[in-house]
Amino acid sequence: MDNNPPNGKRQWDVSPFQSKNTPYKNEPLVWKHLLFKNLRSKYLMLHGETYEGSFDIEILDKPRPKEKRLIADRDKKTGKPIWAIAWHLGLKLYGDEDLLSVAYQLGIGVRNTHGFGMIELQ
């Protein structure tokens, strides 16, 4: 399943905040849409059926939390780093219990195998 946004960017390039040089009029909305799309693909993988319910996510941290640029992986051919931007922020997720359970078990986003997108309940 393709989780990439339009404009040639990759999902992990999209910010939960409006970036200065973004091609999107509403980057946070694109970010939410892509997280939901990825979460639905994980739901399909676990449950064997598509998720038809709703989902929403609210960012609780104001003002804007700090971002950190990290090496997520290395290119297998060149050995050059593949960069990712990590966010440590408070979120409130809205959806039915089955979908939220998938988020808690597998995390949100596309870089879960690299340790990103994991959720800590408070």
PDB file of N, CA and C in Angstrom:
ATOM      1  N   MET A   1       0.832  -1.175   0.000  1.00  0.00           N
ATOM      2  CA  MET A   1       0.000   0.000   0.000  1.00  0.00           C
ATOM      3  C   MET A   1       0.883   1.246   0.000  1.00  0.00           C
ATOM      4  N   ASP A   2       0.573   2.182  -0.845  1.00  0.00           N
ATOM      5  CA  ASP A   2       1.359   3.409  -0.969  1.00  0.00           C
ATOM      6  C   ASP A   2       0.893   4.423   0.068  1.00  0.00           C
ATOM      7  N   ASN A   3       1.794   4.795   0.958  1.00  0.00           N
ATOM      8  CA  ASN A   3       1.469   5.785   1.984  1.00  0.00           C
ATOM      9  C   ASN A   3       2.126   7.126   1.724  1.00  0.00           C
ATOM     10  N   ASN A   4       2.584   7.368   0.505  1.00  0.00           N
ATOM     11  CA  ASN A   4       3.270   8.621   0.211  1.00  0.00           C
ATOM     12  C   ASN A   4       2.289   9.716  -0.179  1.00  0.00           C
ATOM     13  N   PRO A   5       2.536  10.945   0.289  1.00  0.00           N
ATOM     14  CA  PRO A   5       1.694  12.067  -0.097  1.00  0.00           C
ATOM     15  C   PRO A   5       2.031  12.528  -1.506  1.00  0.00           C
ATOM     16  N   PRO A   6       1.246  13.448  -2.054  1.00  0.00           N
ATOM     17  CA  PRO A   6       1.559  13.991  -3.371  1.00  0.00           C
ATOM     18  C   PRO A   6       2.793  14.882  -3.320  1.00  0.00           C
ATOM     19  N   ASN A   7       3.180  15.421  -4.435  1.00  0.00           N
ATOM     20  CA  ASN A   7       4.282  16.380  -4.574  1.00  0.00           C
ATOM     21  C   ASN A   7       5.663  15.756  -4.426  1.00  0.00           C
ATOM     22  N   GLY A   8       5.771  14.428  -4.529  1.00  0.00           N
ATOM     23  CA  GLY A   8       7.079  13.789  -4.503  1.00  0.00           C
ATOM     24  C   GLY A   8       7.707  13.687  -3.126  1.00  0.00           C
ATOM     25  N   LYS A   9       7.009  14.100  -2.090  1.00  0.00           N
ATOM     26  CA  LYS A   9       7.546  13.976  -0.738  1.00  0.00           C
ATOM     27  C   LYS A   9       7.209  12.584  -0.203  1.00  0.00           C
ATOM     28  N   ARG A  10       7.905  12.183   0.838  1.00  0.00           N
ATOM     29  CA  ARG A  10       7.593  10.915   1.480  1.00  0.00           C
ATOM     30  C   ARG A  10       6.838  11.198   2.770  1.00  0.00           C
ATOM     31  N   GLN A  11       6.134  10.202   3.273  1.00  0.00           N
ATOM     32  CA  GLN A  11       5.310  10.413   4.460  1.00  0.00           C
ATOM     33  C   GLN A  11       6.130  10.934   5.629  1.00  0.00           C
ATOM     34  N   TRP A  12       7.330  10.440   5.799  1.00  0.00           N
ATOM     35  CA  TRP A  12       8.129  10.861   6.953  1.00  0.00           C
ATOM     36  C   TRP A  12       8.680  12.274   6.790  1.00  0.00           C
ATOM     37  N   ASP A  13       8.472  12.900   5.632  1.00  0.00           N
ATOM     38  CA  ASP A  13       8.869  14.292   5.428  1.00  0.00           C
ATOM     39  C   ASP A  13       7.781  15.271   5.867  1.00  0.00           C
ATOM     40  N   VAL A  14       6.586  14.783   6.118  1.00  0.00           N
ATOM     41  CA  VAL A  14       5.456  15.647   6.446  1.00  0.00           C
ATOM     42  C   VAL A  14       5.431  15.890   7.954  1.00  0.00           C
ATOM     43  N   SER A  15       5.181  17.133   8.326  1.00  0.00           N
ATOM     44  CA  SER A  15       5.231  17.563   9.722  1.00  0.00           C
ATOM     45  C   SER A  15       3.835  17.709  10.324  1.00  0.00           C
ATOM     46  N   PRO A  16       3.707  17.502  11.641  1.00  0.00           N
ATOM     47  CA  PRO A  16       2.414  17.778  12.290  1.00  0.00           C
ATOM     48  C   PRO A  16       2.166  19.279  12.456  1.00  0.00           C
ATOM     49  N   PHE A  17       3.116  20.098  12.037  1.00  0.00           N
ATOM     50  CA  PHE A  17       3.005  21.554  12.115  1.00  0.00           C
ATOM     51  C   PHE A  17       3.237  22.141  10.726  1.00  0.00           C
ATOM     52  N   GLN A  18       2.776  23.320  10.500  1.00  0.00           N
ATOM     53  CA  GLN A  18       2.938  23.961   9.198  1.00  0.00           C
ATOM     54  C   GLN A  18       4.388  24.411   9.023  1.00  0.00           C
ATOM     55  N   SER A  19       5.134  23.746   8.137  1.00  0.00           N
ATOM     56  CA  SER A  19       6.525  24.098   7.863  1.00  0.00           C
ATOM     57  C   SER A  19       6.605  25.315   6.961  1.00  0.00           C
ATOM     58  N   LYS A  20       7.721  26.019   7.024  1.00  0.00           N
ATOM     59  CA  LYS A  20       7.891  27.230   6.212  1.00  0.00           C
ATOM     60  C   LYS A  20       7.964  26.921   4.722  1.00  0.00           C
ATOM     61  N   ASN A  21       8.642  25.856   4.344  1.00  0.00           N
ATOM     62  CA  ASN A  21       8.873  25.551   2.932  1.00  0.00           C
ATOM     63  C   ASN A  21       8.012  24.406   2.420  1.00  0.00           C
ATOM     64  N   THR A  22       6.874  24.181   3.029  1.00  0.00           N
ATOM     65  CA  THR A  22       6.029  23.057   2.641  1.00  0.00           C
ATOM     66  C   THR A  22       5.233  23.363   1.372  1.00  0.00           C
ATOM     67  N   PRO A  23       4.985  22.350   0.544  1.00  0.00           N
ATOM     68  CA  PRO A  23       4.127  22.561  -0.625  1.00  0.00           C
ATOM     69  C   PRO A  23       2.633  22.453  -0.286  1.00  0.00           C
ATOM     70  N   TYR A  24       2.300  22.194   0.985  1.00  0.00           N
ATOM     71  CA  TYR A  24       0.912  21.961   1.399  1.00  0.00           C
ATOM     72  C   TYR A  24       0.317  23.208   2.049  1.00  0.00           C
ATOM     73  N   LYS A  25      -0.931  23.498   1.709  1.00  0.00           N
ATOM     74  CA  LYS A  25      -1.621  24.618   2.344  1.00  0.00           C
ATOM     75  C   LYS A  25      -1.921  24.302   3.809  1.00  0.00           C
ATOM     76  N   ASN A  26      -2.209  23.025   4.103  1.00  0.00           N
ATOM     77  CA  ASN A  26      -2.521  22.611   5.467  1.00  0.00           C
ATOM     78  C   ASN A  26      -1.744  21.327   5.771  1.00  0.00           C
ATOM     79  N   GLU A  27      -0.468  21.477   6.053  1.00  0.00           N
ATOM     80  CA  GLU A  27       0.401  20.318   6.291  1.00  0.00           C
ATOM     81  C   GLU A  27      -0.055  19.457   7.468  1.00  0.00           C
ATOM     82  N   PRO A  28      -0.521  20.037   8.595  1.00  0.00           N
ATOM     83  CA  PRO A  28      -0.997  19.182   9.684  1.00  0.00           C
ATOM     84  C   PRO A  28      -2.155  18.270   9.271  1.00  0.00           C
ATOM     85  N   LEU A  29      -3.026  18.748   8.394  1.00  0.00           N
ATOM     86  CA  LEU A  29      -4.131  17.920   7.912  1.00  0.00           C
ATOM     87  C   LEU A  29      -3.605  16.773   7.043  1.00  0.00           C
ATOM     88  N   VAL A  30      -2.623  17.046   6.192  1.00  0.00           N
ATOM     89  CA  VAL A  30      -1.994  15.990   5.385  1.00  0.00           C
ATOM     90  C   VAL A  30      -1.338  14.966   6.310  1.00  0.00           C
ATOM     91  N   TRP A  31      -0.648  15.441   7.352  1.00  0.00           N
ATOM     92  CA  TRP A  31       0.003  14.566   8.330  1.00  0.00           C
ATOM     93  C   TRP A  31      -1.016  13.641   8.994  1.00  0.00           C
ATOM     94  N   LYS A  32      -2.145  14.193   9.447  1.00  0.00           N
ATOM     95  CA  LYS A  32      -3.194  13.389  10.083  1.00  0.00           C
ATOM     96  C   LYS A  32      -3.759  12.357   9.107  1.00  0.00           C
ATOM     97  N   HIS A  33      -4.011  12.790   7.878  1.00  0.00           N
ATOM     98  CA  HIS A  33      -4.553  11.882   6.860  1.00  0.00           C
ATOM     99  C   HIS A  33      -3.601  10.705   6.616  1.00  0.00           C
ATOM    100  N   LEU A  34      -2.305  10.985   6.514  1.00  0.00           N
ATOM    101  CA  LEU A  34      -1.335   9.930   6.246  1.00  0.00           C
ATOM    102  C   LEU A  34      -1.179   8.987   7.442  1.00  0.00           C
ATOM    103  N   LEU A  35      -1.250   9.516   8.662  1.00  0.00           N
ATOM    104  CA  LEU A  35      -1.206   8.646   9.841  1.00  0.00           C
ATOM    105  C   LEU A  35      -2.401   7.703   9.864  1.00  0.00           C
ATOM    106  N   PHE A  36      -3.584   8.245   9.557  1.00  0.00           N
ATOM    107  CA  PHE A  36      -4.791   7.427   9.530  1.00  0.00           C
ATOM    108  C   PHE A  36      -4.707   6.373   8.432  1.00  0.00           C
ATOM    109  N   LYS A  37      -4.216   6.749   7.276  1.00  0.00           N
ATOM    110  CA  LYS A  37      -4.063   5.808   6.163  1.00  0.00           C
ATOM    111  C   LYS A  37      -3.122   4.655   6.558  1.00  0.00           C
ATOM    112  N   ASN A  38      -2.014   5.008   7.206  1.00  0.00           N
ATOM    113  CA  ASN A  38      -1.070   3.982   7.641  1.00  0.00           C
ATOM    114  C   ASN A  38      -1.677   3.101   8.733  1.00  0.00           C
ATOM    115  N   LEU A  39      -2.406   3.700   9.652  1.00  0.00           N
ATOM    116  CA  LEU A  39      -3.048   2.945  10.722  1.00  0.00           C
ATOM    117  C   LEU A  39      -4.107   1.990  10.165  1.00  0.00           C
ATOM    118  N   ARG A  40      -4.843   2.427   9.142  1.00  0.00           N
ATOM    119  CA  ARG A  40      -5.820   1.539   8.495  1.00  0.00           C
ATOM    120  C   ARG A  40      -5.132   0.354   7.824  1.00  0.00           C
ATOM    121  N   SER A  41      -3.953   0.565   7.235  1.00  0.00           N
ATOM    122  CA  SER A  41      -3.249  -0.568   6.607  1.00  0.00           C
ATOM    123  C   SER A  41      -2.778  -1.565   7.673  1.00  0.00           C
ATOM    124  N   LYS A  42      -2.381  -1.080   8.844  1.00  0.00           N
ATOM    125  CA  LYS A  42      -2.001  -1.978   9.944  1.00  0.00           C
ATOM    126  C   LYS A  42      -3.225  -2.728  10.469  1.00  0.00           C
ATOM    127  N   TYR A  43      -4.361  -2.033  10.541  1.00  0.00           N
ATOM    128  CA  TYR A  43      -5.613  -2.656  10.965  1.00  0.00           C
ATOM    129  C   TYR A  43      -5.978  -3.793  10.012  1.00  0.00           C
ATOM    130  N   LEU A  44      -5.872  -3.555   8.706  1.00  0.00           N
ATOM    131  CA  LEU A  44      -6.153  -4.572   7.704  1.00  0.00           C
ATOM    132  C   LEU A  44      -5.224  -5.773   7.877  1.00  0.00           C
ATOM    133  N   MET A  45      -3.960  -5.512   8.139  1.00  0.00           N
ATOM    134  CA  MET A  45      -2.985  -6.592   8.330  1.00  0.00           C
ATOM    135  C   MET A  45      -3.347  -7.455   9.548  1.00  0.00           C
ATOM    136  N   LEU A  46      -3.767  -6.821  10.638  1.00  0.00           N
ATOM    137  CA  LEU A  46      -4.085  -7.562  11.864  1.00  0.00           C
ATOM    138  C   LEU A  46      -5.458  -8.217  11.854  1.00  0.00           C
ATOM    139  N   HIS A  47      -6.458  -7.525  11.281  1.00  0.00           N
ATOM    140  CA  HIS A  47      -7.834  -8.001  11.360  1.00  0.00           C
ATOM    141  C   HIS A  47      -8.343  -8.653  10.074  1.00  0.00           C
ATOM    142  N   GLY A  48      -7.629  -8.496   8.976  1.00  0.00           N
ATOM    143  CA  GLY A  48      -8.049  -9.103   7.718  1.00  0.00           C
ATOM    144  C   GLY A  48      -9.244  -8.428   7.079  1.00  0.00           C
ATOM    145  N   GLU A  49      -9.592  -7.251   7.542  1.00  0.00           N
ATOM    146  CA  GLU A  49     -10.698  -6.489   6.955  1.00  0.00           C
ATOM    147  C   GLU A  49     -10.373  -5.009   7.052  1.00  0.00           C
ATOM    148  N   THR A  50     -10.999  -4.225   6.170  1.00  0.00           N
ATOM    149  CA  THR A  50     -10.719  -2.791   6.174  1.00  0.00           C
ATOM    150  C   THR A  50     -11.442  -2.118   7.335  1.00  0.00           C
ATOM    151  N   TYR A  51     -10.834  -1.060   7.836  1.00  0.00           N
ATOM    152  CA  TYR A  51     -11.439  -0.277   8.903  1.00  0.00           C
ATOM    153  C   TYR A  51     -12.313   0.795   8.286  1.00  0.00           C
ATOM    154  N   GLU A  52     -13.564   0.842   8.686  1.00  0.00           N
ATOM    155  CA  GLU A  52     -14.515   1.785   8.095  1.00  0.00           C
ATOM    156  C   GLU A  52     -14.894   2.919   9.045  1.00  0.00           C
ATOM    157  N   GLY A  53     -14.397   2.907  10.265  1.00  0.00           N
ATOM    158  CA  GLY A  53     -14.769   3.924  11.242  1.00  0.00           C
ATOM    159  C   GLY A  53     -13.979   5.210  11.089  1.00  0.00           C
ATOM    160  N   SER A  54     -14.131   6.084  12.057  1.00  0.00           N
ATOM    161  CA  SER A  54     -13.455   7.375  12.019  1.00  0.00           C
ATOM    162  C   SER A  54     -12.230   7.366  12.924  1.00  0.00           C
ATOM    163  N   PHE A  55     -11.422   8.391  12.759  1.00  0.00           N
ATOM    164  CA  PHE A  55     -10.204   8.546  13.549  1.00  0.00           C
ATOM    165  C   PHE A  55      -9.860  10.024  13.589  1.00  0.00           C
ATOM    166  N   ASP A  56      -9.340  10.457  14.712  1.00  0.00           N
ATOM    167  CA  ASP A  56      -8.825  11.817  14.791  1.00  0.00           C
ATOM    168  C   ASP A  56      -7.673  11.820  15.775  1.00  0.00           C
ATOM    169  N   ILE A  57      -6.831  12.807  15.631  1.00  0.00           N
ATOM    170  CA  ILE A  57      -5.668  12.944  16.491  1.00  0.00           C
ATOM    171  C   ILE A  57      -5.510  14.423  16.834  1.00  0.00           C
ATOM    172  N   GLU A  58      -5.266  14.686  18.102  1.00  0.00           N
ATOM    173  CA  GLU A  58      -5.109  16.059  18.584  1.00  0.00           C
ATOM    174  C   GLU A  58      -3.713  16.195  19.191  1.00  0.00           C
ATOM    175  N   ILE A  59      -3.007  17.246  18.827  1.00  0.00           N
ATOM    176  CA  ILE A  59      -1.698  17.519  19.405  1.00  0.00           C
ATOM    177  C   ILE A  59      -1.919  18.348  20.662  1.00  0.00           C
ATOM    178  N   LEU A  60      -1.408  17.847  21.785  1.00  0.00           N
ATOM    179  CA  LEU A  60      -1.639  18.496  23.067  1.00  0.00           C
ATOM    180  C   LEU A  60      -0.553  19.485  23.442  1.00  0.00           C
ATOM    181  N   ASP A  61       0.628  19.335  22.891  1.00  0.00           N
ATOM    182  CA  ASP A  61       1.755  20.185  23.264  1.00  0.00           C
ATOM    183  C   ASP A  61       1.676  21.539  22.566  1.00  0.00           C
ATOM    184  N   LYS A  62       1.560  22.571  23.330  1.00  0.00           N
ATOM    185  CA  LYS A  62       1.617  23.937  22.821  1.00  0.00           C
ATOM    186  C   LYS A  62       2.541  24.696  23.755  1.00  0.00           C
ATOM    187  N   PRO A  63       3.481  25.489  23.343  1.00  0.00           N
ATOM    188  CA  PRO A  63       3.834  25.759  21.955  1.00  0.00           C
ATOM    189  C   PRO A  63       4.494  24.546  21.295  1.00  0.00           C
ATOM    190  N   ARG A  64       4.873  24.719  20.069  1.00  0.00           N
ATOM    191  CA  ARG A  64       5.441  23.660  19.246  1.00  0.00           C
ATOM    192  C   ARG A  64       6.600  22.943  19.942  1.00  0.00           C
ATOM    193  N   PRO A  65       6.515  21.629  20.069  1.00  0.00           N
ATOM    194  CA  PRO A  65       7.617  20.881  20.666  1.00  0.00           C
ATOM    195  C   PRO A  65       8.820  20.817  19.728  1.00  0.00           C
ATOM    196  N   LYS A  66       9.947  20.435  20.272  1.00  0.00           N
ATOM    197  CA  LYS A  66      11.165  20.370  19.464  1.00  0.00           C
ATOM    198  C   LYS A  66      11.153  19.144  18.567  1.00  0.00           C
ATOM    199  N   GLU A  67      11.756  19.312  17.406  1.00  0.00           N
ATOM    200  CA  GLU A  67      11.957  18.198  16.486  1.00  0.00           C
ATOM    201  C   GLU A  67      13.422  17.817  16.533  1.00  0.00           C
ATOM    202  N   LYS A  68      13.705  16.566  16.198  1.00  0.00           N
ATOM    203  CA  LYS A  68      15.081  16.105  16.195  1.00  0.00           C
ATOM    204  C   LYS A  68      15.317  15.310  14.916  1.00  0.00           C
ATOM    205  N   ARG A  69      16.367  15.627  14.213  1.00  0.00           N
ATOM    206  CA  ARG A  69      16.733  14.931  12.974  1.00  0.00           C
ATOM    207  C   ARG A  69      17.670  13.775  13.329  1.00  0.00           C
ATOM    208  N   LEU A  70      17.277  12.565  12.954  1.00  0.00           N
ATOM    209  CA  LEU A  70      18.019  11.355  13.302  1.00  0.00           C
ATOM    210  C   LEU A  70      18.265  10.501  12.071  1.00  0.00           C
ATOM    211  N   ILE A  71      19.290   9.676  12.133  1.00  0.00           N
ATOM    212  CA  ILE A  71      19.512   8.694  11.071  1.00  0.00           C
ATOM    213  C   ILE A  71      18.600   7.504  11.344  1.00  0.00           C
ATOM    214  N   ALA A  72      17.661   7.256  10.432  1.00  0.00           N
ATOM    215  CA  ALA A  72      16.713   6.161  10.594  1.00  0.00           C
ATOM    216  C   ALA A  72      17.269   4.854  10.042  1.00  0.00           C
ATOM    217  N   ASP A  73      18.120   4.948   9.043  1.00  0.00           N
ATOM    218  CA  ASP A  73      18.668   3.762   8.386  1.00  0.00           C
ATOM    219  C   ASP A  73      19.819   4.228   7.495  1.00  0.00           C
ATOM    220  N   ARG A  74      20.432   3.279   6.819  1.00  0.00           N
ATOM    221  CA  ARG A  74      21.466   3.607   5.833  1.00  0.00           C
ATOM    222  C   ARG A  74      21.095   2.962   4.502  1.00  0.00           C
ATOM    223  N   ASP A  75      21.394   3.671   3.436  1.00  0.00           N
ATOM    224  CA  ASP A  75      21.153   3.155   2.097  1.00  0.00           C
ATOM    225  C   ASP A  75      22.000   1.905   1.905  1.00  0.00           C
ATOM    226  N   LYS A  76      21.374   0.825   1.474  1.00  0.00           N
ATOM    227  CA  LYS A  76      22.080  -0.453   1.353  1.00  0.00           C
ATOM    228  C   LYS A  76      23.169  -0.425   0.278  1.00  0.00           C
ATOM    229  N   LYS A  77      23.004   0.384  -0.752  1.00  0.00           N
ATOM    230  CA  LYS A  77      23.989   0.453  -1.836  1.00  0.00           C
ATOM    231  C   LYS A  77      25.127   1.419  -1.523  1.00  0.00           C
ATOM    232  N   THR A  78      24.778   2.613  -1.036  1.00  0.00           N
ATOM    233  CA  THR A  78      25.794   3.647  -0.864  1.00  0.00           C
ATOM    234  C   THR A  78      26.302   3.787   0.573  1.00  0.00           C
ATOM    235  N   GLY A  79      25.518   3.306   1.522  1.00  0.00           N
ATOM    236  CA  GLY A  79      25.887   3.474   2.926  1.00  0.00           C
ATOM    237  C   GLY A  79      25.576   4.852   3.474  1.00  0.00           C
ATOM    238  N   LYS A  80      25.010   5.722   2.635  1.00  0.00           N
ATOM    239  CA  LYS A  80      24.665   7.071   3.090  1.00  0.00           C
ATOM    240  C   LYS A  80      23.477   7.012   4.051  1.00  0.00           C
ATOM    241  N   PRO A  81      23.435   7.950   5.004  1.00  0.00           N
ATOM    242  CA  PRO A  81      22.333   7.939   5.970  1.00  0.00           C
ATOM    243  C   PRO A  81      20.998   8.305   5.334  1.00  0.00           C
ATOM    244  N   ILE A  82      19.947   7.691   5.850  1.00  0.00           N
ATOM    245  CA  ILE A  82      18.576   8.048   5.505  1.00  0.00           C
ATOM    246  C   ILE A  82      18.030   8.762   6.741  1.00  0.00           C
ATOM    247  N   TRP A  83      17.721  10.027   6.575  1.00  0.00           N
ATOM    248  CA  TRP A  83      17.331  10.869   7.701  1.00  0.00           C
ATOM    249  C   TRP A  83      15.835  10.811   7.960  1.00  0.00           C
ATOM    250  N   ALA A  84      15.470  10.967   9.217  1.00  0.00           N
ATOM    251  CA  ALA A  84      14.073  11.092   9.622  1.00  0.00           C
ATOM    252  C   ALA A  84      13.998  12.177  10.683  1.00  0.00           C
ATOM    253  N   ILE A  85      12.870  12.838  10.741  1.00  0.00           N
ATOM    254  CA  ILE A  85      12.638  13.830  11.780  1.00  0.00           C
ATOM    255  C   ILE A  85      11.750  13.195  12.837  1.00  0.00           C
ATOM    256  N   ALA A  86      12.207  13.220  14.076  1.00  0.00           N
ATOM    257  CA  ALA A  86      11.446  12.645  15.187  1.00  0.00           C
ATOM    258  C   ALA A  86      10.769  13.770  15.968  1.00  0.00           C
ATOM    259  N   TRP A  87       9.563  13.491  16.422  1.00  0.00           N
ATOM    260  CA  TRP A  87       8.809  14.424  17.256  1.00  0.00           C
ATOM    261  C   TRP A  87       8.504  13.723  18.569  1.00  0.00           C
ATOM    262  N   HIS A  88       8.701  14.402  19.658  1.00  0.00           N
ATOM    263  CA  HIS A  88       8.281  13.894  20.960  1.00  0.00           C
ATOM    264  C   HIS A  88       7.199  14.847  21.437  1.00  0.00           C
ATOM    265  N   LEU A  89       5.951  14.380  21.361  1.00  0.00           N
ATOM    266  CA  LEU A  89       4.850  15.263  21.680  1.00  0.00           C
ATOM    267  C   LEU A  89       3.683  14.497  22.254  1.00  0.00           C
ATOM    268  N   GLY A  90       2.840  15.224  22.957  1.00  0.00           N
ATOM    269  CA  GLY A  90       1.631  14.644  23.519  1.00  0.00           C
ATOM    270  C   GLY A  90       0.521  14.611  22.485  1.00  0.00           C
ATOM    271  N   LEU A  91      -0.153  13.479  22.411  1.00  0.00           N
ATOM    272  CA  LEU A  91      -1.239  13.310  21.452  1.00  0.00           C
ATOM    273  C   LEU A  91      -2.468  12.743  22.158  1.00  0.00           C
ATOM    274  N   LYS A  92      -3.619  13.057  21.639  1.00  0.00           N
ATOM    275  CA  LYS A  92      -4.852  12.422  22.077  1.00  0.00           C
ATOM    276  C   LYS A  92      -5.474  11.794  20.833  1.00  0.00           C
ATOM    277  N   LEU A  93      -5.688  10.479  20.878  1.00  0.00           N
ATOM    278  CA  LEU A  93      -6.235   9.745  19.740  1.00  0.00           C
ATOM    279  C   LEU A  93      -7.714   9.481  19.952  1.00  0.00           C
ATOM    280  N   TYR A  94      -8.494   9.619  18.877  1.00  0.00           N
ATOM    281  CA  TYR A  94      -9.923   9.362  18.917  1.00  0.00           C
ATOM    282  C   TYR A  94     -10.246   8.298  17.862  1.00  0.00           C
ATOM    283  N   GLY A  95     -10.968   7.273  18.256  1.00  0.00           N
ATOM    284  CA  GLY A  95     -11.380   6.209  17.347  1.00  0.00           C
ATOM    285  C   GLY A  95     -11.973   5.076  18.157  1.00  0.00           C
ATOM    286  N   ASP A  96     -12.444   4.043  17.485  1.00  0.00           N
ATOM    287  CA  ASP A  96     -13.004   2.940  18.262  1.00  0.00           C
ATOM    288  C   ASP A  96     -11.893   2.107  18.900  1.00  0.00           C
ATOM    289  N   GLU A  97     -12.275   1.287  19.852  1.00  0.00           N
ATOM    290  CA  GLU A  97     -11.318   0.542  20.669  1.00  0.00           C
ATOM    291  C   GLU A  97     -10.409  -0.369  19.844  1.00  0.00           C
ATOM    292  N   ASP A  98     -10.943  -1.017  18.811  1.00  0.00           N
ATOM    293  CA  ASP A  98     -10.123  -1.919  17.984  1.00  0.00           C
ATOM    294  C   ASP A  98      -9.025  -1.154  17.247  1.00  0.00           C
ATOM    295  N   LEU A  99      -9.363   0.004  16.695  1.00  0.00           N
ATOM    296  CA  LEU A  99      -8.366   0.795  15.979  1.00  0.00           C
ATOM    297  C   LEU A  99      -7.311   1.347  16.936  1.00  0.00           C
ATOM    298  N   LEU A 100      -7.746   1.861  18.072  1.00  0.00           N
ATOM    299  CA  LEU A 100      -6.789   2.394  19.049  1.00  0.00           C
ATOM    300  C   LEU A 100      -5.880   1.295  19.584  1.00  0.00           C
ATOM    301  N   SER A 101      -6.401   0.091  19.705  1.00  0.00           N
ATOM    302  CA  SER A 101      -5.582  -1.048  20.133  1.00  0.00           C
ATOM    303  C   SER A 101      -4.468  -1.324  19.126  1.00  0.00           C
ATOM    304  N   VAL A 102      -4.760  -1.214  17.842  1.00  0.00           N
ATOM    305  CA  VAL A 102      -3.737  -1.382  16.808  1.00  0.00           C
ATOM    306  C   VAL A 102      -2.668  -0.304  16.964  1.00  0.00           C
ATOM    307  N   ALA A 103      -3.091   0.934  17.205  1.00  0.00           N
ATOM    308  CA  ALA A 103      -2.141   2.037  17.394  1.00  0.00           C
ATOM    309  C   ALA A 103      -1.245   1.775  18.607  1.00  0.00           C
ATOM    310  N   TYR A 104      -1.829   1.309  19.697  1.00  0.00           N
ATOM    311  CA  TYR A 104      -1.047   1.043  20.909  1.00  0.00           C
ATOM    312  C   TYR A 104      -0.081  -0.120  20.709  1.00  0.00           C
ATOM    313  N   GLN A 105      -0.505  -1.145  19.964  1.00  0.00           N
ATOM    314  CA  GLN A 105       0.333  -2.325  19.752  1.00  0.00           C
ATOM    315  C   GLN A 105       1.449  -2.082  18.731  1.00  0.00           C
ATOM    316  N   LEU A 106       1.123  -1.401  17.628  1.00  0.00           N
ATOM    317  CA  LEU A 106       2.074  -1.261  16.523  1.00  0.00           C
ATOM    318  C   LEU A 106       2.635   0.148  16.348  1.00  0.00           C
ATOM    319  N   GLY A 107       2.076   1.121  17.047  1.00  0.00           N
ATOM    320  CA  GLY A 107       2.535   2.490  16.886  1.00  0.00           C
ATOM    321  C   GLY A 107       1.849   3.155  15.712  1.00  0.00           C
ATOM    322  N   ILE A 108       2.197   4.428  15.504  1.00  0.00           N
ATOM    323  CA  ILE A 108       1.616   5.175  14.392  1.00  0.00           C
ATOM    324  C   ILE A 108       2.754   5.656  13.495  1.00  0.00           C
ATOM    325  N   GLY A 109       2.472   5.744  12.213  1.00  0.00           N
ATOM    326  CA  GLY A 109       3.486   6.195  11.264  1.00  0.00           C
ATOM    327  C   GLY A 109       4.173   5.039  10.556  1.00  0.00           C
ATOM    328  N   VAL A 110       5.136   5.390   9.683  1.00  0.00           N
ATOM    329  CA  VAL A 110       5.777   4.393   8.826  1.00  0.00           C
ATOM    330  C   VAL A 110       7.143   3.940   9.314  1.00  0.00           C
ATOM    331  N   ARG A 111       7.677   4.538  10.333  1.00  0.00           N
ATOM    332  CA  ARG A 111       9.028   4.194  10.799  1.00  0.00           C
ATOM    333  C   ARG A 111       9.020   3.392  12.101  1.00  0.00           C
ATOM    334  N   ASN A 112       7.973   2.596  12.333  1.00  0.00           N
ATOM    335  CA  ASN A 112       7.897   1.812  13.561  1.00  0.00           C
ATOM    336  C   ASN A 112       9.024   0.799  13.687  1.00  0.00           C
ATOM    337  N   THR A 113       9.450   0.227  12.592  1.00  0.00           N
ATOM    338  CA  THR A 113      10.537  -0.760  12.661  1.00  0.00           C
ATOM    339  C   THR A 113      11.851  -0.122  13.061  1.00  0.00           C
ATOM    340  N   HIS A 114      11.936   1.203  12.964  1.00  0.00           N
ATOM    341  CA  HIS A 114      13.129   1.929  13.372  1.00  0.00           C
ATOM    342  C   HIS A 114      12.985   2.537  14.764  1.00  0.00           C
ATOM    343  N   GLY A 115      11.890   2.216  15.455  1.00  0.00           N
ATOM    344  CA  GLY A 115      11.674   2.716  16.806  1.00  0.00           C
ATOM    345  C   GLY A 115      10.911   4.022  16.885  1.00  0.00           C
ATOM    346  N   PHE A 116      10.372   4.492  15.760  1.00  0.00           N
ATOM    347  CA  PHE A 116       9.590   5.728  15.759  1.00  0.00           C
ATOM    348  C   PHE A 116       8.097   5.407  15.845  1.00  0.00           C
ATOM    349  N   GLY A 117       7.315   6.374  16.302  1.00  0.00           N
ATOM    350  CA  GLY A 117       5.856   6.244  16.286  1.00  0.00           C
ATOM    351  C   GLY A 117       5.278   5.438  17.414  1.00  0.00           C
ATOM    352  N   MET A 118       6.075   5.095  18.397  1.00  0.00           N
ATOM    353  CA  MET A 118       5.562   4.302  19.497  1.00  0.00           C
ATOM    354  C   MET A 118       4.788   5.203  20.465  1.00  0.00           C
ATOM    355  N   ILE A 119       3.826   4.614  21.139  1.00  0.00           N
ATOM    356  CA  ILE A 119       2.916   5.362  22.000  1.00  0.00           C
ATOM    357  C   ILE A 119       3.142   4.940  23.452  1.00  0.00           C
ATOM    358  N   GLU A 120       3.230   5.923  24.319  1.00  0.00           N
ATOM    359  CA  GLU A 120       3.302   5.677  25.761  1.00  0.00           C
ATOM    360  C   GLU A 120       2.017   6.207  26.378  1.00  0.00           C
ATOM    361  N   LEU A 121       1.269   5.329  27.030  1.00  0.00           N
ATOM    362  CA  LEU A 121       0.017   5.747  27.657  1.00  0.00           C
ATOM    363  C   LEU A 121       0.297   6.462  28.967  1.00  0.00           C
ATOM    364  N   GLN A 122      -0.492   7.501  29.226  1.00  0.00           N
ATOM    365  CA  GLN A 122      -0.329   8.231  30.493  1.00  0.00           C
ATOM    366  C   GLN A 122      -1.657   8.409  31.158  1.00  0.00           C
TER     367      GLN A 122
END
